[in-house]
């Protein structure tokens, strides 16, 4: 399978792996056999593998130009990625009862909600930033569909997770927790500087490994 057939197949597998393994009764069945940690590791590895295949399929699909690449494309992408990585650096592993990816959610303090008080879905927000920037700078049809799809996936995810959390917590309890979190002052997590430094390191690694991730070398574009 090649060309548009491989691209459609990659999209189908991407949607399947992001819909079926997380739904009941599939997720509890997998956790019972793999454990919570094992499930997370296997699901993350599967997601990355499918994402890599989708990238390669988009690159190999027939080129249909929709708009030209901006002259400052690499700087647009860098600005968005720095913001996205900083957001993830300051929120990953922190209590977040509003979304997925939180840790020790019972310890969440609405009086000190950190960035969660303003951005309750930081992973989806980072995905939207990444997808939106790459949509602007990649005007080929296959890439536009891919990054536009990711942006839509992030927006739809916010609506679906909010609906599920309201159902689980109760609409009134969710609304009250949200109100208290939004009215609190924004604070940073412990070791925020170290987290941001790690985020800068991740950004540099992504730039250096961009060819391995997507087949496109970008690091020379940032040299004087």
C-alpha atoms as a PDB file:
ATOM      1  CA  UNK A   1       0.000   0.000   0.000  1.00  0.00           C
ATOM      2  CA  UNK A   2       1.383   3.430  -0.911  1.00  0.00           C
ATOM      3  CA  UNK A   3       0.351   7.001  -1.663  1.00  0.00           C
ATOM      4  CA  UNK A   4      -3.135   8.008  -0.542  1.00  0.00           C
ATOM      5  CA  UNK A   5      -4.001   4.418   0.396  1.00  0.00           C
ATOM      6  CA  UNK A   6      -1.223   4.279   3.005  1.00  0.00           C
ATOM      7  CA  UNK A   7      -2.193   7.741   4.247  1.00  0.00           C
ATOM      8  CA  UNK A   8      -5.839   6.767   4.740  1.00  0.00           C
ATOM      9  CA  UNK A   9      -4.765   3.525   6.404  1.00  0.00           C
ATOM     10  CA  UNK A  10      -2.481   5.409   8.806  1.00  0.00           C
ATOM     11  CA  UNK A  11      -5.306   7.792   9.716  1.00  0.00           C
ATOM     12  CA  UNK A  12      -7.692   4.889  10.298  1.00  0.00           C
ATOM     13  CA  UNK A  13      -5.206   3.191  12.611  1.00  0.00           C
ATOM     14  CA  UNK A  14      -4.520   6.468  14.440  1.00  0.00           C
ATOM     15  CA  UNK A  15      -8.223   7.003  15.112  1.00  0.00           C
ATOM     16  CA  UNK A  16      -8.685   3.358  16.128  1.00  0.00           C
ATOM     17  CA  UNK A  17      -5.792   3.389  18.618  1.00  0.00           C
ATOM     18  CA  UNK A  18      -7.001   6.653  20.162  1.00  0.00           C
ATOM     19  CA  UNK A  19     -10.620   5.548  20.477  1.00  0.00           C
ATOM     20  CA  UNK A  20     -10.848   1.841  21.278  1.00  0.00           C
ATOM     21  CA  UNK A  21      -8.121   1.206  23.921  1.00  0.00           C
ATOM     22  CA  UNK A  22      -9.375   4.027  26.153  1.00  0.00           C
ATOM     23  CA  UNK A  23     -13.043   3.043  26.183  1.00  0.00           C
ATOM     24  CA  UNK A  24     -14.834   0.689  28.558  1.00  0.00           C
ATOM     25  CA  UNK A  25     -14.737  -2.260  28.689  1.00  0.00           C
ATOM     26  CA  UNK A  26     -11.455  -2.386  26.720  1.00  0.00           C
ATOM     27  CA  UNK A  27      -9.396  -0.159  29.033  1.00  0.00           C
ATOM     28  CA  UNK A  28     -10.288  -2.008  32.287  1.00  0.00           C
ATOM     29  CA  UNK A  29      -9.618  -5.319  30.537  1.00  0.00           C
ATOM     30  CA  UNK A  30      -6.168  -4.146  29.440  1.00  0.00           C
ATOM     31  CA  UNK A  31      -5.329  -2.646  32.847  1.00  0.00           C
ATOM     32  CA  UNK A  32      -6.306  -5.898  34.556  1.00  0.00           C
ATOM     33  CA  UNK A  33      -3.701  -7.713  32.461  1.00  0.00           C
ATOM     34  CA  UNK A  34      -0.988  -5.058  32.115  1.00  0.00           C
ATOM     35  CA  UNK A  35      -1.409  -3.012  35.274  1.00  0.00           C
ATOM     36  CA  UNK A  36      -1.816   0.764  35.272  1.00  0.00           C
ATOM     37  CA  UNK A  37       1.873   1.387  34.609  1.00  0.00           C
ATOM     38  CA  UNK A  38       2.078  -1.291  31.934  1.00  0.00           C
ATOM     39  CA  UNK A  39      -1.031   0.013  30.226  1.00  0.00           C
ATOM     40  CA  UNK A  40       0.393   3.542  30.179  1.00  0.00           C
ATOM     41  CA  UNK A  41       3.727   2.410  28.764  1.00  0.00           C
ATOM     42  CA  UNK A  42       2.211   0.156  26.097  1.00  0.00           C
ATOM     43  CA  UNK A  43      -0.385   2.732  25.076  1.00  0.00           C
ATOM     44  CA  UNK A  44       2.240   5.502  24.867  1.00  0.00           C
ATOM     45  CA  UNK A  45       4.565   3.329  22.760  1.00  0.00           C
ATOM     46  CA  UNK A  46       1.697   2.332  20.466  1.00  0.00           C
ATOM     47  CA  UNK A  47       0.577   5.946  20.071  1.00  0.00           C
ATOM     48  CA  UNK A  48       4.089   7.113  19.170  1.00  0.00           C
ATOM     49  CA  UNK A  49       4.544   4.283  16.662  1.00  0.00           C
ATOM     50  CA  UNK A  50       1.238   5.026  14.940  1.00  0.00           C
ATOM     51  CA  UNK A  51       1.999   8.754  14.942  1.00  0.00           C
ATOM     52  CA  UNK A  52       5.384   8.109  13.309  1.00  0.00           C
ATOM     53  CA  UNK A  53       3.688   6.018  10.621  1.00  0.00           C
ATOM     54  CA  UNK A  54       1.159   8.780   9.988  1.00  0.00           C
ATOM     55  CA  UNK A  55       3.995  11.310   9.580  1.00  0.00           C
ATOM     56  CA  UNK A  56       5.763   9.075   7.079  1.00  0.00           C
ATOM     57  CA  UNK A  57       2.530   8.401   5.180  1.00  0.00           C
ATOM     58  CA  UNK A  58       1.820  12.140   4.915  1.00  0.00           C
ATOM     59  CA  UNK A  59       5.341  12.772   3.608  1.00  0.00           C
ATOM     60  CA  UNK A  60       4.982  10.036   0.969  1.00  0.00           C
ATOM     61  CA  UNK A  61       1.472  11.017  -0.150  1.00  0.00           C
ATOM     62  CA  UNK A  62       1.150  12.792  -3.525  1.00  0.00           C
ATOM     63  CA  UNK A  63       2.048  16.467  -3.208  1.00  0.00           C
ATOM     64  CA  UNK A  64      -0.929  18.785  -3.694  1.00  0.00           C
ATOM     65  CA  UNK A  65      -0.012  22.388  -2.829  1.00  0.00           C
ATOM     66  CA  UNK A  66      -2.655  24.518  -1.110  1.00  0.00           C
ATOM     67  CA  UNK A  67      -0.558  27.500   0.059  1.00  0.00           C
ATOM     68  CA  UNK A  68       3.165  28.358   0.104  1.00  0.00           C
ATOM     69  CA  UNK A  69       5.363  27.876   3.142  1.00  0.00           C
ATOM     70  CA  UNK A  70       5.936  31.216   4.944  1.00  0.00           C
ATOM     71  CA  UNK A  71       9.459  32.637   4.782  1.00  0.00           C
ATOM     72  CA  UNK A  72       9.727  32.561   8.592  1.00  0.00           C
ATOM     73  CA  UNK A  73       8.212  29.083   8.906  1.00  0.00           C
ATOM     74  CA  UNK A  74      10.867  27.713  11.261  1.00  0.00           C
ATOM     75  CA  UNK A  75      10.545  30.681  13.624  1.00  0.00           C
ATOM     76  CA  UNK A  76       6.751  30.368  13.686  1.00  0.00           C
ATOM     77  CA  UNK A  77       7.074  26.696  14.602  1.00  0.00           C
ATOM     78  CA  UNK A  78       9.757  27.425  17.214  1.00  0.00           C
ATOM     79  CA  UNK A  79       7.655  30.094  18.950  1.00  0.00           C
ATOM     80  CA  UNK A  80       4.666  27.763  19.162  1.00  0.00           C
ATOM     81  CA  UNK A  81       6.782  24.815  20.322  1.00  0.00           C
ATOM     82  CA  UNK A  82       8.509  26.824  23.052  1.00  0.00           C
ATOM     83  CA  UNK A  83       5.106  27.868  24.394  1.00  0.00           C
ATOM     84  CA  UNK A  84       3.717  24.330  24.125  1.00  0.00           C
ATOM     85  CA  UNK A  85       6.731  22.720  25.799  1.00  0.00           C
ATOM     86  CA  UNK A  86       6.758  25.349  28.558  1.00  0.00           C
ATOM     87  CA  UNK A  87       3.074  24.669  29.203  1.00  0.00           C
ATOM     88  CA  UNK A  88       3.681  20.925  29.422  1.00  0.00           C
ATOM     89  CA  UNK A  89       6.785  21.403  31.577  1.00  0.00           C
ATOM     90  CA  UNK A  90       4.816  23.353  34.180  1.00  0.00           C
ATOM     91  CA  UNK A  91       1.741  21.114  34.273  1.00  0.00           C
ATOM     92  CA  UNK A  92       2.696  17.481  33.606  1.00  0.00           C
ATOM     93  CA  UNK A  93       2.530  15.345  36.720  1.00  0.00           C
ATOM     94  CA  UNK A  94       0.687  18.028  38.691  1.00  0.00           C
ATOM     95  CA  UNK A  95      -2.775  17.486  40.247  1.00  0.00           C
ATOM     96  CA  UNK A  96      -5.475  18.153  37.659  1.00  0.00           C
ATOM     97  CA  UNK A  97      -8.992  16.841  38.286  1.00  0.00           C
ATOM     98  CA  UNK A  98     -10.299  18.522  35.116  1.00  0.00           C
ATOM     99  CA  UNK A  99      -8.420  16.527  32.502  1.00  0.00           C
ATOM    100  CA  UNK A 100      -6.281  13.444  31.875  1.00  0.00           C
ATOM    101  CA  UNK A 101      -2.600  13.150  32.713  1.00  0.00           C
ATOM    102  CA  UNK A 102      -2.882  14.567  36.223  1.00  0.00           C
ATOM    103  CA  UNK A 103      -1.220  12.965  39.245  1.00  0.00           C
ATOM    104  CA  UNK A 104      -2.478  12.829  42.839  1.00  0.00           C
ATOM    105  CA  UNK A 105      -5.660  14.628  41.814  1.00  0.00           C
ATOM    106  CA  UNK A 106      -7.064  14.328  45.322  1.00  0.00           C
ATOM    107  CA  UNK A 107      -4.369  16.827  46.391  1.00  0.00           C
ATOM    108  CA  UNK A 108      -5.605  19.502  43.968  1.00  0.00           C
ATOM    109  CA  UNK A 109      -6.056  22.810  45.790  1.00  0.00           C
ATOM    110  CA  UNK A 110      -8.441  25.209  43.998  1.00  0.00           C
ATOM    111  CA  UNK A 111      -6.921  28.063  46.011  1.00  0.00           C
ATOM    112  CA  UNK A 112      -3.503  27.272  44.493  1.00  0.00           C
ATOM    113  CA  UNK A 113      -4.397  25.676  41.159  1.00  0.00           C
ATOM    114  CA  UNK A 114      -1.208  26.766  39.356  1.00  0.00           C
ATOM    115  CA  UNK A 115      -1.781  27.003  35.596  1.00  0.00           C
ATOM    116  CA  UNK A 116      -4.660  24.515  35.788  1.00  0.00           C
ATOM    117  CA  UNK A 117      -6.817  27.384  37.030  1.00  0.00           C
ATOM    118  CA  UNK A 118      -6.531  29.000  33.605  1.00  0.00           C
ATOM    119  CA  UNK A 119      -5.818  26.071  31.286  1.00  0.00           C
ATOM    120  CA  UNK A 120      -7.573  22.954  32.506  1.00  0.00           C
ATOM    121  CA  UNK A 121      -6.442  20.830  29.536  1.00  0.00           C
ATOM    122  CA  UNK A 122      -2.735  21.680  29.099  1.00  0.00           C
ATOM    123  CA  UNK A 123      -1.900  18.586  27.021  1.00  0.00           C
ATOM    124  CA  UNK A 124      -4.661  19.365  24.538  1.00  0.00           C
ATOM    125  CA  UNK A 125      -3.691  23.052  24.519  1.00  0.00           C
ATOM    126  CA  UNK A 126      -0.095  22.103  23.702  1.00  0.00           C
ATOM    127  CA  UNK A 127      -1.324  19.754  20.975  1.00  0.00           C
ATOM    128  CA  UNK A 128      -3.411  22.578  19.521  1.00  0.00           C
ATOM    129  CA  UNK A 129      -0.434  24.965  19.529  1.00  0.00           C
ATOM    130  CA  UNK A 130       1.808  22.416  17.835  1.00  0.00           C
ATOM    131  CA  UNK A 131      -0.814  21.448  15.256  1.00  0.00           C
ATOM    132  CA  UNK A 132      -1.867  25.017  14.527  1.00  0.00           C
ATOM    133  CA  UNK A 133       1.678  26.229  13.906  1.00  0.00           C
ATOM    134  CA  UNK A 134       2.509  23.261  11.696  1.00  0.00           C
ATOM    135  CA  UNK A 135      -0.741  23.734   9.789  1.00  0.00           C
ATOM    136  CA  UNK A 136       0.279  27.299   8.920  1.00  0.00           C
ATOM    137  CA  UNK A 137       3.715  26.287   7.639  1.00  0.00           C
ATOM    138  CA  UNK A 138       2.742  23.053   5.834  1.00  0.00           C
ATOM    139  CA  UNK A 139       0.490  23.868   2.903  1.00  0.00           C
ATOM    140  CA  UNK A 140       0.506  20.468   1.176  1.00  0.00           C
ATOM    141  CA  UNK A 141      -2.867  18.714   1.223  1.00  0.00           C
ATOM    142  CA  UNK A 142      -1.765  15.624   3.155  1.00  0.00           C
ATOM    143  CA  UNK A 143      -0.011  17.658   5.855  1.00  0.00           C
ATOM    144  CA  UNK A 144      -2.827  20.212   6.031  1.00  0.00           C
ATOM    145  CA  UNK A 145      -5.333  17.426   6.619  1.00  0.00           C
ATOM    146  CA  UNK A 146      -3.072  15.836   9.226  1.00  0.00           C
ATOM    147  CA  UNK A 147      -2.301  18.943  11.264  1.00  0.00           C
ATOM    148  CA  UNK A 148      -5.821  20.296  10.817  1.00  0.00           C
ATOM    149  CA  UNK A 149      -7.094  16.950  12.065  1.00  0.00           C
ATOM    150  CA  UNK A 150      -4.857  17.147  15.122  1.00  0.00           C
ATOM    151  CA  UNK A 151      -6.109  20.665  15.885  1.00  0.00           C
ATOM    152  CA  UNK A 152      -9.715  19.482  15.584  1.00  0.00           C
ATOM    153  CA  UNK A 153      -8.860  16.430  17.715  1.00  0.00           C
ATOM    154  CA  UNK A 154      -7.571  18.762  20.467  1.00  0.00           C
ATOM    155  CA  UNK A 155     -10.658  20.999  20.341  1.00  0.00           C
ATOM    156  CA  UNK A 156     -13.050  18.043  20.358  1.00  0.00           C
ATOM    157  CA  UNK A 157     -11.088  16.453  23.201  1.00  0.00           C
ATOM    158  CA  UNK A 158     -11.740  19.487  25.414  1.00  0.00           C
ATOM    159  CA  UNK A 159     -15.492  19.162  24.881  1.00  0.00           C
ATOM    160  CA  UNK A 160     -15.570  15.405  25.419  1.00  0.00           C
ATOM    161  CA  UNK A 161     -13.409  15.424  28.553  1.00  0.00           C
ATOM    162  CA  UNK A 162     -15.377  18.311  30.068  1.00  0.00           C
ATOM    163  CA  UNK A 163     -18.599  16.400  29.458  1.00  0.00           C
ATOM    164  CA  UNK A 164     -17.191  13.235  31.026  1.00  0.00           C
ATOM    165  CA  UNK A 165     -15.777  15.053  34.062  1.00  0.00           C
ATOM    166  CA  UNK A 166     -19.061  16.865  34.654  1.00  0.00           C
ATOM    167  CA  UNK A 167     -20.821  13.511  34.598  1.00  0.00           C
ATOM    168  CA  UNK A 168     -18.319  11.920  36.981  1.00  0.00           C
ATOM    169  CA  UNK A 169     -18.049  14.826  39.434  1.00  0.00           C
ATOM    170  CA  UNK A 170     -21.574  16.176  39.082  1.00  0.00           C
ATOM    171  CA  UNK A 171     -22.242  19.328  37.088  1.00  0.00           C
ATOM    172  CA  UNK A 172     -22.633  21.562  40.163  1.00  0.00           C
ATOM    173  CA  UNK A 173     -19.451  20.278  41.825  1.00  0.00           C
ATOM    174  CA  UNK A 174     -17.485  20.657  38.569  1.00  0.00           C
ATOM    175  CA  UNK A 175     -18.733  24.210  38.069  1.00  0.00           C
ATOM    176  CA  UNK A 176     -17.908  25.213  41.662  1.00  0.00           C
ATOM    177  CA  UNK A 177     -14.404  23.742  41.470  1.00  0.00           C
ATOM    178  CA  UNK A 178     -13.876  25.481  38.152  1.00  0.00           C
ATOM    179  CA  UNK A 179     -15.104  28.818  39.548  1.00  0.00           C
ATOM    180  CA  UNK A 180     -12.785  28.652  42.557  1.00  0.00           C
ATOM    181  CA  UNK A 181      -9.822  27.679  40.407  1.00  0.00           C
ATOM    182  CA  UNK A 182     -10.363  30.477  37.908  1.00  0.00           C
ATOM    183  CA  UNK A 183     -10.689  33.130  40.614  1.00  0.00           C
ATOM    184  CA  UNK A 184      -7.443  32.108  42.369  1.00  0.00           C
ATOM    185  CA  UNK A 185      -4.094  33.729  41.626  1.00  0.00           C
ATOM    186  CA  UNK A 186      -1.858  31.922  39.161  1.00  0.00           C
ATOM    187  CA  UNK A 187       1.101  30.219  40.819  1.00  0.00           C
ATOM    188  CA  UNK A 188       3.912  28.040  39.510  1.00  0.00           C
ATOM    189  CA  UNK A 189       4.668  24.469  40.568  1.00  0.00           C
ATOM    190  CA  UNK A 190       7.643  23.559  42.769  1.00  0.00           C
ATOM    191  CA  UNK A 191      10.955  23.570  40.902  1.00  0.00           C
ATOM    192  CA  UNK A 192       9.422  25.569  38.059  1.00  0.00           C
ATOM    193  CA  UNK A 193      12.854  26.730  36.891  1.00  0.00           C
ATOM    194  CA  UNK A 194      14.133  23.174  36.660  1.00  0.00           C
ATOM    195  CA  UNK A 195      10.994  22.131  34.804  1.00  0.00           C
ATOM    196  CA  UNK A 196      11.422  24.946  32.282  1.00  0.00           C
ATOM    197  CA  UNK A 197      15.098  24.117  31.811  1.00  0.00           C
ATOM    198  CA  UNK A 198      14.117  20.532  31.070  1.00  0.00           C
ATOM    199  CA  UNK A 199      11.565  21.855  28.592  1.00  0.00           C
ATOM    200  CA  UNK A 200      14.261  23.833  26.768  1.00  0.00           C
ATOM    201  CA  UNK A 201      16.322  20.652  26.604  1.00  0.00           C
ATOM    202  CA  UNK A 202      13.374  18.764  25.138  1.00  0.00           C
ATOM    203  CA  UNK A 203      12.872  21.507  22.540  1.00  0.00           C
ATOM    204  CA  UNK A 204      16.523  21.276  21.484  1.00  0.00           C
ATOM    205  CA  UNK A 205      16.231  17.490  21.261  1.00  0.00           C
ATOM    206  CA  UNK A 206      13.130  17.830  19.079  1.00  0.00           C
ATOM    207  CA  UNK A 207      14.951  20.217  16.740  1.00  0.00           C
ATOM    208  CA  UNK A 208      17.971  17.915  16.452  1.00  0.00           C
ATOM    209  CA  UNK A 209      15.798  14.819  16.068  1.00  0.00           C
ATOM    210  CA  UNK A 210      13.295  16.364  13.685  1.00  0.00           C
ATOM    211  CA  UNK A 211      14.673  14.444  10.716  1.00  0.00           C
ATOM    212  CA  UNK A 212      14.280  11.161  12.580  1.00  0.00           C
ATOM    213  CA  UNK A 213      10.764  12.114  13.677  1.00  0.00           C
ATOM    214  CA  UNK A 214       9.425  13.510  10.408  1.00  0.00           C
ATOM    215  CA  UNK A 215      12.045  13.059   7.708  1.00  0.00           C
ATOM    216  CA  UNK A 216      12.787  16.809   7.514  1.00  0.00           C
ATOM    217  CA  UNK A 217      16.026  18.347   8.835  1.00  0.00           C
ATOM    218  CA  UNK A 218      15.434  21.755  10.433  1.00  0.00           C
ATOM    219  CA  UNK A 219      18.351  22.470  12.790  1.00  0.00           C
ATOM    220  CA  UNK A 220      20.513  24.255  10.135  1.00  0.00           C
ATOM    221  CA  UNK A 221      17.737  26.829   9.704  1.00  0.00           C
ATOM    222  CA  UNK A 222      18.394  28.146  13.210  1.00  0.00           C
ATOM    223  CA  UNK A 223      22.092  28.735  12.562  1.00  0.00           C
ATOM    224  CA  UNK A 224      23.290  32.287  11.764  1.00  0.00           C
END
